C-alpha atoms as a PDB file:
ATOM      1  CA  MET A   1       1.292  -5.050 -23.593  1.00  0.00           C
ATOM      2  CA  THR A   2       2.098  -6.335 -20.121  1.00  0.00           C
ATOM      3  CA  ASN A   3      -0.498  -7.579 -17.703  1.00  0.00           C
ATOM      4  CA  PRO A   4      -0.695  -5.773 -14.370  1.00  0.00           C
ATOM      5  CA  ALA A   5       0.302  -7.691 -11.274  1.00  0.00           C
ATOM      6  CA  PRO A   6      -2.499  -9.719  -9.701  1.00  0.00           C
ATOM      7  CA  ILE A   7      -4.221  -8.156  -6.714  1.00  0.00           C
ATOM      8  CA  ASP A   8      -3.916  -9.837  -3.326  1.00  0.00           C
ATOM      9  CA  ASP A   9      -6.471  -9.045  -0.621  1.00  0.00           C
ATOM     10  CA  VAL A  10      -5.074  -8.123   2.805  1.00  0.00           C
ATOM     11  CA  PRO A  11      -7.692  -8.081   5.582  1.00  0.00           C
ATOM     12  CA  ILE A  12      -7.035  -5.360   8.142  1.00  0.00           C
ATOM     13  CA  GLY A  13      -9.655  -6.295  10.739  1.00  0.00           C
ATOM     14  CA  GLY A  14     -11.270  -2.874  10.662  1.00  0.00           C
ATOM     15  CA  GLU A  15     -12.362  -0.088   8.355  1.00  0.00           C
ATOM     16  CA  VAL A  16      -9.269   2.136   8.053  1.00  0.00           C
ATOM     17  CA  ILE A  17      -5.492   1.868   8.304  1.00  0.00           C
ATOM     18  CA  ARG A  18      -2.708   4.332   7.567  1.00  0.00           C
ATOM     19  CA  LEU A  19      -0.609   3.808   4.446  1.00  0.00           C
ATOM     20  CA  GLY A  20       2.671   3.387   6.336  1.00  0.00           C
ATOM     21  CA  GLN A  21       1.148   0.811   8.668  1.00  0.00           C
ATOM     22  CA  PHE A  22      -0.456  -1.056   5.791  1.00  0.00           C
ATOM     23  CA  LEU A  23       2.803  -1.405   3.849  1.00  0.00           C
ATOM     24  CA  LYS A  24       4.373  -3.168   6.834  1.00  0.00           C
ATOM     25  CA  PHE A  25       1.226  -5.139   7.727  1.00  0.00           C
ATOM     26  CA  ALA A  26       0.911  -6.440   4.150  1.00  0.00           C
ATOM     27  CA  GLY A  27       4.560  -7.526   4.192  1.00  0.00           C
ATOM     28  CA  LEU A  28       5.607  -5.199   1.381  1.00  0.00           C
ATOM     29  CA  LEU A  29       8.249  -3.500   3.537  1.00  0.00           C
ATOM     30  CA  ASP A  30       9.930  -4.514   6.782  1.00  0.00           C
ATOM     31  CA  SER A  31      10.664  -1.304   8.659  1.00  0.00           C
ATOM     32  CA  GLY A  32       9.325   2.167   9.219  1.00  0.00           C
ATOM     33  CA  GLY A  33      12.495   3.589   7.703  1.00  0.00           C
ATOM     34  CA  ASP A  34      11.984   1.599   4.506  1.00  0.00           C
ATOM     35  CA  VAL A  35       8.353   2.730   4.382  1.00  0.00           C
ATOM     36  CA  LYS A  36       9.296   6.389   4.809  1.00  0.00           C
ATOM     37  CA  GLU A  37      11.941   6.198   2.071  1.00  0.00           C
ATOM     38  CA  ALA A  38       9.672   4.385  -0.415  1.00  0.00           C
ATOM     39  CA  ILE A  39       6.851   6.882   0.102  1.00  0.00           C
ATOM     40  CA  ILE A  40       9.116   9.947  -0.116  1.00  0.00           C
ATOM     41  CA  ASN A  41      10.699   8.571  -3.307  1.00  0.00           C
ATOM     42  CA  GLY A  42       7.260   8.208  -4.910  1.00  0.00           C
ATOM     43  CA  ASP A  43       7.507   4.425  -5.174  1.00  0.00           C
ATOM     44  CA  VAL A  44       4.062   3.818  -3.645  1.00  0.00           C
ATOM     45  CA  ALA A  45       0.748   4.350  -5.425  1.00  0.00           C
ATOM     46  CA  VAL A  46      -2.775   4.242  -4.032  1.00  0.00           C
ATOM     47  CA  ASN A  47      -5.537   3.542  -6.523  1.00  0.00           C
ATOM     48  CA  GLY A  48      -3.100   4.206  -9.377  1.00  0.00           C
ATOM     49  CA  GLU A  49      -1.792   7.562  -8.130  1.00  0.00           C
ATOM     50  CA  VAL A  50       1.505   8.200  -6.338  1.00  0.00           C
ATOM     51  CA  ASP A  51       0.877   9.239  -2.746  1.00  0.00           C
ATOM     52  CA  ARG A  52       3.632  10.705  -0.562  1.00  0.00           C
ATOM     53  CA  ARG A  53       1.605  10.814   2.664  1.00  0.00           C
ATOM     54  CA  ARG A  54       2.636   8.079   5.085  1.00  0.00           C
ATOM     55  CA  GLY A  55      -0.369   8.924   7.270  1.00  0.00           C
ATOM     56  CA  ARG A  56      -2.938   8.717   4.488  1.00  0.00           C
ATOM     57  CA  GLN A  57      -5.949   6.768   5.706  1.00  0.00           C
ATOM     58  CA  LEU A  58      -6.763   3.813   3.485  1.00  0.00           C
ATOM     59  CA  GLN A  59     -10.308   2.540   3.192  1.00  0.00           C
ATOM     60  CA  VAL A  60     -11.547  -0.966   2.434  1.00  0.00           C
ATOM     61  CA  GLY A  61     -11.254  -1.424  -1.337  1.00  0.00           C
ATOM     62  CA  ASP A  62      -8.201   0.815  -1.837  1.00  0.00           C
ATOM     63  CA  ILE A  63      -5.428  -0.762  -3.918  1.00  0.00           C
ATOM     64  CA  VAL A  64      -1.806  -0.106  -2.945  1.00  0.00           C
ATOM     65  CA  SER A  65       0.962  -0.710  -5.495  1.00  0.00           C
ATOM     66  CA  PHE A  66       4.644  -1.083  -4.663  1.00  0.00           C
ATOM     67  CA  ASP A  67       7.562  -2.808  -6.384  1.00  0.00           C
ATOM     68  CA  GLY A  68       5.416  -4.811  -8.804  1.00  0.00           C
ATOM     69  CA  HIS A  69       2.932  -5.898  -6.130  1.00  0.00           C
ATOM     70  CA  ARG A  70      -0.700  -4.793  -5.832  1.00  0.00           C
ATOM     71  CA  VAL A  71      -2.651  -5.362  -2.644  1.00  0.00           C
ATOM     72  CA  ARG A  72      -6.217  -4.433  -1.803  1.00  0.00           C
ATOM     73  CA  VAL A  73      -7.349  -3.367   1.638  1.00  0.00           C
ATOM     74  CA  SER A  74     -10.127  -5.730   2.725  1.00  0.00           C
ATOM     75  CA  GLU A  75     -12.180  -6.256   5.871  1.00  0.00           C
END
């Protein structure tokens, strides 16, 4: 059994942020084009479920997974 990746907290300085923005802000992806492709391909999960909505609003406490990394939205 493999251990899941550790969770890093990424403070957003507010209460909500869109998924596409958060992926760039957290340093998981570099460009909007990369974000769009990763989300469309189903490579991004929010709270353990694949989400294909770039505009999904994330709340403090949500956990985003991509490419072996897990990051939590924090204040």
